N, C-alpha and C. Protein backbone atom coordinates (compact mmCIF):
# COMPACT_ATOMS: atom_id res chain seq x y z
N MET A 1 1.10 -3.91 -22.49
CA MET A 1 2.18 -3.29 -21.75
C MET A 1 3.12 -4.38 -21.22
N ARG A 2 4.35 -3.98 -21.05
CA ARG A 2 5.36 -4.88 -20.49
C ARG A 2 5.85 -4.27 -19.18
N TYR A 3 5.88 -5.12 -18.16
CA TYR A 3 6.32 -4.68 -16.84
C TYR A 3 7.49 -5.54 -16.38
N PHE A 4 8.33 -4.95 -15.57
CA PHE A 4 9.41 -5.69 -14.93
C PHE A 4 8.89 -6.15 -13.58
N VAL A 5 9.05 -7.42 -13.27
CA VAL A 5 8.69 -7.95 -11.95
C VAL A 5 9.99 -7.98 -11.16
N LYS A 6 9.95 -7.34 -9.99
CA LYS A 6 11.18 -7.21 -9.21
C LYS A 6 10.99 -7.78 -7.81
N GLN A 7 12.05 -8.29 -7.26
CA GLN A 7 12.14 -8.72 -5.87
C GLN A 7 13.07 -7.70 -5.24
N GLY A 8 12.50 -6.70 -4.55
CA GLY A 8 13.30 -5.58 -4.09
C GLY A 8 13.79 -4.81 -5.29
N ASP A 9 15.11 -4.73 -5.46
CA ASP A 9 15.70 -4.01 -6.59
C ASP A 9 16.21 -4.92 -7.70
N ILE A 10 15.94 -6.22 -7.59
CA ILE A 10 16.44 -7.18 -8.58
C ILE A 10 15.29 -7.62 -9.50
N VAL A 11 15.48 -7.46 -10.80
CA VAL A 11 14.49 -7.89 -11.78
C VAL A 11 14.48 -9.42 -11.83
N ILE A 12 13.28 -10.00 -11.60
CA ILE A 12 13.17 -11.47 -11.62
C ILE A 12 12.32 -11.97 -12.78
N GLY A 13 11.62 -11.06 -13.47
CA GLY A 13 10.77 -11.50 -14.56
C GLY A 13 10.16 -10.35 -15.32
N ARG A 14 9.45 -10.72 -16.39
CA ARG A 14 8.71 -9.77 -17.20
C ARG A 14 7.26 -10.21 -17.20
N LEU A 15 6.36 -9.25 -17.05
CA LEU A 15 4.93 -9.50 -17.11
C LEU A 15 4.39 -8.77 -18.33
N VAL A 16 3.80 -9.52 -19.25
CA VAL A 16 3.25 -8.94 -20.47
C VAL A 16 1.74 -8.98 -20.37
N ILE A 17 1.12 -7.81 -20.52
CA ILE A 17 -0.34 -7.71 -20.46
C ILE A 17 -0.82 -7.02 -21.73
N THR A 18 -1.56 -7.75 -22.56
CA THR A 18 -2.16 -7.18 -23.76
C THR A 18 -3.62 -7.58 -23.78
N GLU A 19 -4.34 -7.14 -24.80
CA GLU A 19 -5.76 -7.52 -24.90
C GLU A 19 -5.93 -9.01 -25.13
N THR A 20 -4.93 -9.63 -25.68
CA THR A 20 -5.07 -11.04 -26.04
C THR A 20 -4.29 -12.01 -25.17
N LYS A 21 -3.40 -11.49 -24.30
CA LYS A 21 -2.64 -12.45 -23.49
C LYS A 21 -2.12 -11.85 -22.20
N LEU A 22 -1.88 -12.75 -21.27
CA LEU A 22 -1.15 -12.49 -20.03
C LEU A 22 0.01 -13.46 -20.06
N GLU A 23 1.21 -12.96 -19.85
CA GLU A 23 2.37 -13.84 -19.91
C GLU A 23 3.39 -13.42 -18.86
N TYR A 24 3.96 -14.40 -18.18
CA TYR A 24 5.05 -14.15 -17.23
C TYR A 24 6.29 -14.87 -17.74
N ILE A 25 7.39 -14.12 -17.84
CA ILE A 25 8.65 -14.67 -18.32
C ILE A 25 9.71 -14.50 -17.23
N PRO A 26 10.16 -15.59 -16.60
CA PRO A 26 11.18 -15.44 -15.54
C PRO A 26 12.54 -15.06 -16.12
N ILE A 27 13.31 -14.34 -15.34
CA ILE A 27 14.68 -13.98 -15.69
C ILE A 27 15.58 -14.91 -14.89
N ARG A 28 16.05 -15.97 -15.51
CA ARG A 28 16.81 -17.01 -14.80
C ARG A 28 18.12 -16.51 -14.21
N SER A 29 18.70 -15.48 -14.79
CA SER A 29 19.97 -14.96 -14.26
C SER A 29 19.81 -14.37 -12.86
N ALA A 30 18.57 -14.08 -12.46
CA ALA A 30 18.33 -13.56 -11.10
C ALA A 30 18.71 -14.59 -10.04
N LEU A 31 18.80 -15.87 -10.44
CA LEU A 31 19.19 -16.92 -9.49
C LEU A 31 20.59 -16.71 -8.94
N ARG A 32 21.40 -15.91 -9.63
CA ARG A 32 22.75 -15.61 -9.11
C ARG A 32 22.67 -14.74 -7.86
N HIS A 33 21.55 -14.06 -7.68
CA HIS A 33 21.41 -13.11 -6.57
C HIS A 33 20.37 -13.51 -5.53
N LEU A 34 19.45 -14.36 -5.91
CA LEU A 34 18.32 -14.70 -5.04
C LEU A 34 18.05 -16.20 -5.04
N PRO A 35 17.43 -16.71 -3.95
CA PRO A 35 17.04 -18.13 -3.93
C PRO A 35 15.87 -18.39 -4.88
N VAL A 36 15.69 -19.64 -5.21
CA VAL A 36 14.64 -20.07 -6.14
C VAL A 36 13.27 -19.52 -5.75
N LEU A 37 12.93 -19.58 -4.45
CA LEU A 37 11.61 -19.12 -4.01
C LEU A 37 11.37 -17.65 -4.32
N LYS A 38 12.41 -16.87 -4.44
CA LYS A 38 12.26 -15.45 -4.74
C LYS A 38 12.22 -15.18 -6.24
N VAL A 39 12.84 -16.04 -7.04
CA VAL A 39 12.89 -15.84 -8.49
C VAL A 39 11.66 -16.43 -9.18
N TYR A 40 11.14 -17.53 -8.65
CA TYR A 40 9.95 -18.17 -9.19
C TYR A 40 8.83 -18.05 -8.16
N PRO A 41 8.03 -16.96 -8.24
CA PRO A 41 7.04 -16.69 -7.20
C PRO A 41 6.04 -17.83 -6.99
N PRO A 42 5.86 -18.26 -5.73
CA PRO A 42 4.83 -19.25 -5.43
C PRO A 42 3.48 -18.71 -5.89
N GLY A 43 2.66 -19.59 -6.42
CA GLY A 43 1.38 -19.17 -6.97
C GLY A 43 1.45 -19.07 -8.48
N LEU A 44 2.59 -18.66 -8.99
CA LEU A 44 2.80 -18.66 -10.44
C LEU A 44 3.42 -19.97 -10.89
N PHE A 45 4.29 -20.51 -10.05
CA PHE A 45 5.01 -21.73 -10.39
C PHE A 45 4.66 -22.83 -9.41
N LEU A 46 4.58 -24.05 -9.91
CA LEU A 46 4.25 -25.22 -9.11
C LEU A 46 5.52 -25.75 -8.44
N TYR A 47 5.46 -25.89 -7.13
CA TYR A 47 6.61 -26.40 -6.37
C TYR A 47 6.37 -27.85 -5.98
N THR A 48 7.44 -28.63 -5.93
CA THR A 48 7.39 -29.99 -5.40
C THR A 48 8.27 -30.03 -4.16
N PHE A 49 7.99 -30.98 -3.30
CA PHE A 49 8.73 -31.09 -2.05
C PHE A 49 9.35 -32.47 -1.94
N THR A 50 10.65 -32.52 -1.74
CA THR A 50 11.37 -33.76 -1.55
C THR A 50 12.23 -33.61 -0.31
N ASN A 51 11.97 -34.46 0.68
CA ASN A 51 12.71 -34.40 1.95
C ASN A 51 12.69 -32.99 2.55
N GLY A 52 11.55 -32.33 2.45
CA GLY A 52 11.40 -30.99 3.03
C GLY A 52 12.02 -29.87 2.22
N VAL A 53 12.55 -30.18 1.05
CA VAL A 53 13.18 -29.16 0.21
C VAL A 53 12.23 -28.83 -0.95
N ALA A 54 11.97 -27.53 -1.13
CA ALA A 54 11.10 -27.09 -2.22
C ALA A 54 11.88 -27.00 -3.51
N ALA A 55 11.29 -27.50 -4.59
CA ALA A 55 11.90 -27.40 -5.92
C ALA A 55 10.84 -26.94 -6.90
N VAL A 56 11.27 -26.29 -7.97
CA VAL A 56 10.34 -25.76 -8.96
C VAL A 56 10.75 -26.23 -10.35
N ASP A 57 9.77 -26.45 -11.20
CA ASP A 57 10.06 -26.76 -12.60
C ASP A 57 10.20 -25.43 -13.33
N SER A 58 11.42 -24.99 -13.51
CA SER A 58 11.68 -23.67 -14.09
C SER A 58 11.36 -23.61 -15.58
N THR A 59 11.07 -24.75 -16.19
CA THR A 59 10.71 -24.74 -17.61
C THR A 59 9.21 -24.61 -17.82
N ALA A 60 8.43 -24.82 -16.76
CA ALA A 60 6.98 -24.70 -16.86
C ALA A 60 6.61 -23.23 -17.03
N LYS A 61 5.64 -22.98 -17.87
CA LYS A 61 5.19 -21.62 -18.12
C LYS A 61 3.86 -21.40 -17.40
N PRO A 62 3.75 -20.34 -16.57
CA PRO A 62 2.48 -20.09 -15.88
C PRO A 62 1.36 -19.84 -16.89
N THR A 63 0.20 -20.41 -16.61
CA THR A 63 -0.97 -20.19 -17.46
C THR A 63 -1.55 -18.81 -17.18
N GLU A 64 -2.41 -18.33 -18.09
CA GLU A 64 -3.08 -17.05 -17.86
C GLU A 64 -3.93 -17.12 -16.59
N GLU A 65 -4.57 -18.27 -16.35
CA GLU A 65 -5.39 -18.43 -15.16
C GLU A 65 -4.53 -18.35 -13.90
N ALA A 66 -3.34 -18.96 -13.93
CA ALA A 66 -2.44 -18.89 -12.78
C ALA A 66 -1.97 -17.46 -12.54
N ILE A 67 -1.70 -16.73 -13.61
CA ILE A 67 -1.27 -15.34 -13.48
C ILE A 67 -2.38 -14.50 -12.87
N LEU A 68 -3.61 -14.69 -13.32
CA LEU A 68 -4.74 -13.95 -12.76
C LEU A 68 -4.95 -14.27 -11.28
N ARG A 69 -4.86 -15.57 -10.92
CA ARG A 69 -5.01 -15.94 -9.51
C ARG A 69 -3.90 -15.33 -8.67
N TRP A 70 -2.67 -15.29 -9.21
CA TRP A 70 -1.53 -14.70 -8.51
C TRP A 70 -1.78 -13.21 -8.31
N MET A 71 -2.25 -12.52 -9.34
CA MET A 71 -2.57 -11.09 -9.22
C MET A 71 -3.66 -10.89 -8.16
N GLU A 72 -4.68 -11.71 -8.23
CA GLU A 72 -5.80 -11.61 -7.30
C GLU A 72 -5.34 -11.82 -5.86
N ASP A 73 -4.38 -12.70 -5.66
CA ASP A 73 -3.84 -12.96 -4.32
C ASP A 73 -3.06 -11.77 -3.78
N ARG A 74 -2.64 -10.86 -4.63
CA ARG A 74 -1.82 -9.73 -4.23
C ARG A 74 -2.64 -8.44 -4.06
N ILE A 75 -3.96 -8.52 -4.15
CA ILE A 75 -4.83 -7.36 -3.94
C ILE A 75 -5.91 -7.74 -2.92
N PHE A 76 -6.69 -6.76 -2.48
CA PHE A 76 -7.76 -7.08 -1.53
C PHE A 76 -8.90 -7.79 -2.25
N PRO A 77 -9.65 -8.63 -1.52
CA PRO A 77 -10.70 -9.44 -2.15
C PRO A 77 -11.88 -8.60 -2.63
N LYS A 78 -12.51 -9.07 -3.68
CA LYS A 78 -13.65 -8.37 -4.28
C LYS A 78 -14.83 -8.28 -3.32
N ASP A 79 -14.96 -9.25 -2.43
CA ASP A 79 -16.09 -9.25 -1.51
C ASP A 79 -15.80 -8.55 -0.18
N ARG A 80 -14.70 -7.83 -0.09
CA ARG A 80 -14.34 -7.11 1.13
C ARG A 80 -15.41 -6.05 1.42
N GLN A 81 -15.83 -5.94 2.69
CA GLN A 81 -16.91 -5.03 3.06
C GLN A 81 -16.64 -3.58 2.67
N ASP A 82 -15.44 -3.09 2.92
CA ASP A 82 -15.14 -1.69 2.63
C ASP A 82 -14.46 -1.50 1.27
N LYS A 83 -14.77 -2.40 0.35
CA LYS A 83 -14.16 -2.38 -0.98
C LYS A 83 -14.32 -1.03 -1.67
N ASP A 84 -15.52 -0.45 -1.62
CA ASP A 84 -15.76 0.81 -2.32
C ASP A 84 -14.91 1.95 -1.75
N GLU A 85 -14.74 1.97 -0.43
CA GLU A 85 -13.91 3.00 0.19
C GLU A 85 -12.44 2.82 -0.21
N LEU A 86 -11.99 1.57 -0.26
CA LEU A 86 -10.61 1.29 -0.66
C LEU A 86 -10.38 1.70 -2.12
N LEU A 87 -11.33 1.36 -2.98
CA LEU A 87 -11.21 1.74 -4.39
C LEU A 87 -11.14 3.26 -4.54
N LYS A 88 -11.99 3.95 -3.78
CA LYS A 88 -12.00 5.41 -3.82
C LYS A 88 -10.65 5.98 -3.37
N ALA A 89 -10.07 5.39 -2.32
CA ALA A 89 -8.77 5.85 -1.81
C ALA A 89 -7.67 5.68 -2.86
N ILE A 90 -7.81 4.68 -3.71
CA ILE A 90 -6.83 4.42 -4.76
C ILE A 90 -7.11 5.26 -6.00
N GLY A 91 -8.36 5.72 -6.11
CA GLY A 91 -8.74 6.52 -7.28
C GLY A 91 -9.40 5.72 -8.38
N LEU A 92 -9.99 4.58 -8.01
CA LEU A 92 -10.68 3.73 -8.98
C LEU A 92 -12.18 3.73 -8.72
N ASP A 93 -12.96 3.56 -9.79
CA ASP A 93 -14.42 3.53 -9.67
C ASP A 93 -14.97 2.12 -9.53
N SER A 94 -14.24 1.14 -10.05
CA SER A 94 -14.74 -0.23 -10.01
C SER A 94 -13.60 -1.20 -9.73
N TYR A 95 -13.98 -2.40 -9.30
CA TYR A 95 -13.02 -3.45 -8.97
C TYR A 95 -12.67 -4.20 -10.24
N ASP A 96 -11.41 -4.19 -10.59
CA ASP A 96 -10.90 -4.92 -11.74
C ASP A 96 -9.54 -5.47 -11.33
N VAL A 97 -9.38 -6.77 -11.37
CA VAL A 97 -8.17 -7.42 -10.86
C VAL A 97 -6.90 -6.83 -11.47
N ILE A 98 -6.84 -6.77 -12.78
CA ILE A 98 -5.61 -6.29 -13.42
C ILE A 98 -5.36 -4.81 -13.14
N THR A 99 -6.40 -3.99 -13.26
CA THR A 99 -6.23 -2.55 -13.01
C THR A 99 -5.79 -2.31 -11.57
N LEU A 100 -6.40 -2.98 -10.62
CA LEU A 100 -6.04 -2.82 -9.21
C LEU A 100 -4.62 -3.31 -8.96
N PHE A 101 -4.26 -4.44 -9.53
CA PHE A 101 -2.90 -4.97 -9.40
C PHE A 101 -1.88 -3.96 -9.93
N LEU A 102 -2.16 -3.37 -11.09
CA LEU A 102 -1.24 -2.40 -11.68
C LEU A 102 -1.16 -1.12 -10.85
N GLU A 103 -2.30 -0.64 -10.36
CA GLU A 103 -2.31 0.58 -9.54
C GLU A 103 -1.48 0.41 -8.28
N LEU A 104 -1.56 -0.77 -7.66
CA LEU A 104 -0.81 -1.04 -6.42
C LEU A 104 0.57 -1.61 -6.70
N LYS A 105 0.94 -1.71 -7.97
CA LYS A 105 2.23 -2.25 -8.40
C LYS A 105 2.47 -3.67 -7.89
N GLY A 106 1.38 -4.40 -7.61
CA GLY A 106 1.51 -5.77 -7.15
C GLY A 106 2.12 -5.91 -5.77
N LYS A 107 2.24 -4.81 -5.04
CA LYS A 107 2.90 -4.84 -3.73
C LYS A 107 1.97 -5.36 -2.64
N THR A 108 2.54 -6.12 -1.71
CA THR A 108 1.83 -6.54 -0.50
C THR A 108 2.76 -6.30 0.69
N SER A 109 2.20 -6.44 1.88
CA SER A 109 3.03 -6.30 3.09
C SER A 109 3.80 -7.58 3.39
N ARG A 110 3.53 -8.67 2.62
CA ARG A 110 4.14 -9.98 2.89
C ARG A 110 5.53 -10.14 2.34
N ASP A 111 5.89 -9.34 1.31
CA ASP A 111 7.17 -9.55 0.64
C ASP A 111 7.63 -8.29 -0.07
N THR A 112 8.71 -8.38 -0.81
CA THR A 112 9.24 -7.22 -1.54
C THR A 112 9.07 -7.37 -3.04
N LEU A 113 8.16 -8.23 -3.47
CA LEU A 113 7.89 -8.41 -4.88
C LEU A 113 7.00 -7.28 -5.37
N TRP A 114 7.29 -6.74 -6.55
CA TRP A 114 6.49 -5.65 -7.11
C TRP A 114 6.73 -5.54 -8.60
N ILE A 115 5.94 -4.69 -9.28
CA ILE A 115 6.12 -4.49 -10.72
C ILE A 115 6.38 -3.02 -11.01
N THR A 116 7.06 -2.78 -12.12
CA THR A 116 7.36 -1.42 -12.56
C THR A 116 7.59 -1.42 -14.06
N GLU A 117 7.37 -0.28 -14.69
CA GLU A 117 7.69 -0.15 -16.12
C GLU A 117 9.16 0.20 -16.32
N ASP A 118 9.81 0.69 -15.26
CA ASP A 118 11.20 1.14 -15.32
C ASP A 118 12.09 0.17 -14.53
N PRO A 119 12.96 -0.58 -15.19
CA PRO A 119 13.79 -1.56 -14.47
C PRO A 119 14.77 -0.91 -13.49
N ASP A 120 15.03 0.38 -13.65
CA ASP A 120 15.97 1.07 -12.76
C ASP A 120 15.29 1.75 -11.58
N GLU A 121 13.96 1.72 -11.54
CA GLU A 121 13.24 2.34 -10.42
C GLU A 121 13.58 1.60 -9.13
N PRO A 122 14.02 2.34 -8.09
CA PRO A 122 14.36 1.68 -6.83
C PRO A 122 13.11 1.26 -6.06
N TYR A 123 13.27 0.21 -5.28
CA TYR A 123 12.16 -0.30 -4.46
C TYR A 123 11.86 0.65 -3.31
N SER A 124 10.58 0.86 -3.08
CA SER A 124 10.14 1.53 -1.86
C SER A 124 8.84 0.84 -1.46
N LYS A 125 8.65 0.67 -0.17
CA LYS A 125 7.49 -0.08 0.31
C LYS A 125 6.21 0.50 -0.27
N GLY A 126 6.02 1.80 -0.15
CA GLY A 126 4.87 2.45 -0.77
C GLY A 126 3.54 1.87 -0.34
N GLU A 127 2.52 2.19 -1.11
CA GLU A 127 1.17 1.75 -0.79
C GLU A 127 0.96 0.32 -1.28
N THR A 128 0.41 -0.50 -0.41
CA THR A 128 0.06 -1.87 -0.75
C THR A 128 -1.42 -2.05 -0.48
N ALA A 129 -1.97 -3.14 -0.95
CA ALA A 129 -3.38 -3.41 -0.66
C ALA A 129 -3.60 -3.46 0.84
N SER A 130 -2.69 -4.07 1.59
CA SER A 130 -2.88 -4.18 3.03
C SER A 130 -2.55 -2.89 3.77
N SER A 131 -1.77 -1.98 3.16
CA SER A 131 -1.50 -0.71 3.85
C SER A 131 -2.74 0.16 3.88
N LEU A 132 -3.74 -0.20 3.09
CA LEU A 132 -5.00 0.53 3.10
C LEU A 132 -5.90 0.06 4.25
N TYR A 133 -5.57 -1.09 4.85
CA TYR A 133 -6.34 -1.62 5.96
C TYR A 133 -5.90 -0.96 7.26
N ASP A 134 -6.71 -1.15 8.29
CA ASP A 134 -6.29 -0.72 9.63
C ASP A 134 -5.15 -1.60 10.08
N ALA A 135 -4.24 -1.04 10.87
CA ALA A 135 -3.09 -1.81 11.36
C ALA A 135 -3.52 -3.07 12.09
N ASP A 136 -4.65 -3.03 12.79
CA ASP A 136 -5.12 -4.19 13.53
C ASP A 136 -5.55 -5.34 12.62
N ASP A 137 -5.84 -5.02 11.35
CA ASP A 137 -6.29 -6.05 10.42
C ASP A 137 -5.15 -6.82 9.79
N ILE A 138 -3.91 -6.35 9.98
CA ILE A 138 -2.76 -6.96 9.30
C ILE A 138 -2.08 -7.94 10.23
N ASP A 139 -1.92 -9.18 9.77
CA ASP A 139 -1.18 -10.18 10.53
C ASP A 139 0.27 -10.14 10.09
N GLU A 140 1.16 -10.49 11.01
CA GLU A 140 2.57 -10.61 10.64
C GLU A 140 2.71 -11.79 9.70
N PHE A 141 3.52 -11.64 8.70
CA PHE A 141 3.72 -12.70 7.71
C PHE A 141 5.22 -12.86 7.52
N THR A 142 5.72 -14.04 7.78
CA THR A 142 7.17 -14.27 7.73
C THR A 142 7.53 -15.22 6.59
N ALA A 143 8.80 -15.34 6.34
CA ALA A 143 9.27 -16.27 5.31
C ALA A 143 8.86 -17.69 5.64
N THR A 144 8.84 -18.03 6.94
CA THR A 144 8.41 -19.36 7.35
C THR A 144 6.96 -19.58 6.96
N ASP A 145 6.12 -18.54 7.17
CA ASP A 145 4.73 -18.64 6.76
C ASP A 145 4.62 -18.84 5.26
N GLU A 146 5.48 -18.16 4.51
CA GLU A 146 5.46 -18.30 3.05
C GLU A 146 5.75 -19.74 2.65
N LEU A 147 6.72 -20.36 3.29
CA LEU A 147 7.04 -21.75 2.99
C LEU A 147 5.88 -22.67 3.36
N LYS A 148 5.23 -22.40 4.49
CA LYS A 148 4.09 -23.22 4.90
C LYS A 148 2.95 -23.11 3.90
N ASN A 149 2.82 -21.95 3.28
CA ASN A 149 1.71 -21.73 2.35
C ASN A 149 1.99 -22.21 0.94
N LEU A 150 3.19 -22.70 0.66
CA LEU A 150 3.51 -23.15 -0.70
C LEU A 150 2.56 -24.25 -1.17
N LYS A 151 2.25 -25.19 -0.30
CA LYS A 151 1.36 -26.28 -0.70
C LYS A 151 -0.02 -25.73 -1.05
N PHE A 152 -0.50 -24.76 -0.27
CA PHE A 152 -1.78 -24.13 -0.56
C PHE A 152 -1.73 -23.41 -1.91
N LEU A 153 -0.65 -22.67 -2.17
CA LEU A 153 -0.51 -21.96 -3.43
C LEU A 153 -0.41 -22.93 -4.60
N ASN A 154 0.23 -24.07 -4.38
CA ASN A 154 0.27 -25.10 -5.43
C ASN A 154 -1.14 -25.56 -5.77
N GLU A 155 -1.98 -25.73 -4.73
CA GLU A 155 -3.35 -26.15 -4.97
C GLU A 155 -4.08 -25.10 -5.80
N LEU A 156 -3.84 -23.81 -5.52
CA LEU A 156 -4.44 -22.76 -6.33
C LEU A 156 -3.97 -22.86 -7.78
N HIS A 157 -2.68 -23.16 -7.94
CA HIS A 157 -2.09 -23.22 -9.28
C HIS A 157 -2.67 -24.35 -10.11
N ILE A 158 -2.88 -25.48 -9.48
CA ILE A 158 -3.36 -26.64 -10.25
C ILE A 158 -4.84 -26.91 -10.01
N GLY A 159 -5.47 -26.11 -9.15
CA GLY A 159 -6.88 -26.31 -8.82
C GLY A 159 -7.80 -25.99 -9.98
N GLU A 160 -9.08 -26.03 -9.68
CA GLU A 160 -10.08 -25.78 -10.69
C GLU A 160 -9.89 -24.39 -11.29
N THR A 161 -9.94 -24.29 -12.59
CA THR A 161 -9.82 -23.00 -13.26
C THR A 161 -11.13 -22.25 -13.13
N LYS A 162 -11.05 -21.04 -12.61
CA LYS A 162 -12.24 -20.21 -12.48
C LYS A 162 -12.24 -19.20 -13.61
N THR A 163 -13.40 -18.88 -14.11
CA THR A 163 -13.49 -17.88 -15.16
C THR A 163 -13.37 -16.51 -14.52
N LYS A 164 -12.47 -15.72 -15.04
CA LYS A 164 -12.25 -14.37 -14.53
C LYS A 164 -12.64 -13.39 -15.62
N SER A 165 -13.30 -12.30 -15.21
CA SER A 165 -13.54 -11.24 -16.18
C SER A 165 -12.73 -10.04 -15.75
N TYR A 166 -12.14 -9.40 -16.71
CA TYR A 166 -11.36 -8.22 -16.41
C TYR A 166 -11.37 -7.31 -17.62
N SER A 167 -11.27 -6.02 -17.35
CA SER A 167 -11.33 -5.05 -18.43
C SER A 167 -9.98 -4.92 -19.10
N SER A 168 -9.96 -4.22 -20.20
CA SER A 168 -8.71 -4.01 -20.93
C SER A 168 -8.32 -2.54 -20.94
N GLU A 169 -8.86 -1.75 -20.00
CA GLU A 169 -8.57 -0.32 -19.98
C GLU A 169 -7.08 -0.03 -19.99
N LYS A 170 -6.31 -0.76 -19.20
CA LYS A 170 -4.89 -0.47 -19.08
C LYS A 170 -4.04 -1.41 -19.92
N ARG A 171 -4.67 -2.12 -20.83
CA ARG A 171 -3.94 -3.09 -21.64
C ARG A 171 -3.79 -2.55 -23.05
N GLU A 172 -2.64 -2.78 -23.64
CA GLU A 172 -2.42 -2.32 -25.00
C GLU A 172 -2.82 -3.39 -25.99
N LYS A 173 -3.04 -2.98 -27.21
CA LYS A 173 -3.41 -3.94 -28.26
C LYS A 173 -2.19 -4.56 -28.86
């Protein structure tokens, strides 16, 4: 399947999910409307810092492992105590990173990044992984926090590759 990755209502990339590959393709023309940090999502792309300014290598292609870690970062953790109740609320029987990411459209309460099959579909906050939590469990997350976390996300991007298993139920051949 091919999905449009959007920042609010602006398409910033394409996400391709098949049985044999995961691929993220940025839409560079989105830079006319959004800053680099919004067009090249942290966690997918490696950022460097010079004199406090973040820069990204826009020619680097995210690896499948980086894409999986990015997806995993946008859903609730597998070891969450009430995981089964959350899965039931979403209508899923088991925890699968890709399936859960697709069901929640990649949405979080931290930003306006999301995925859709229809590039003309308007953004709505809708259900996110964190909207399933109690309000007391959600911390405020600001753009400043996002910048502070870039170095951590870079470490995830270049850190040790973990083996991930995921089903292909929602993936086309």
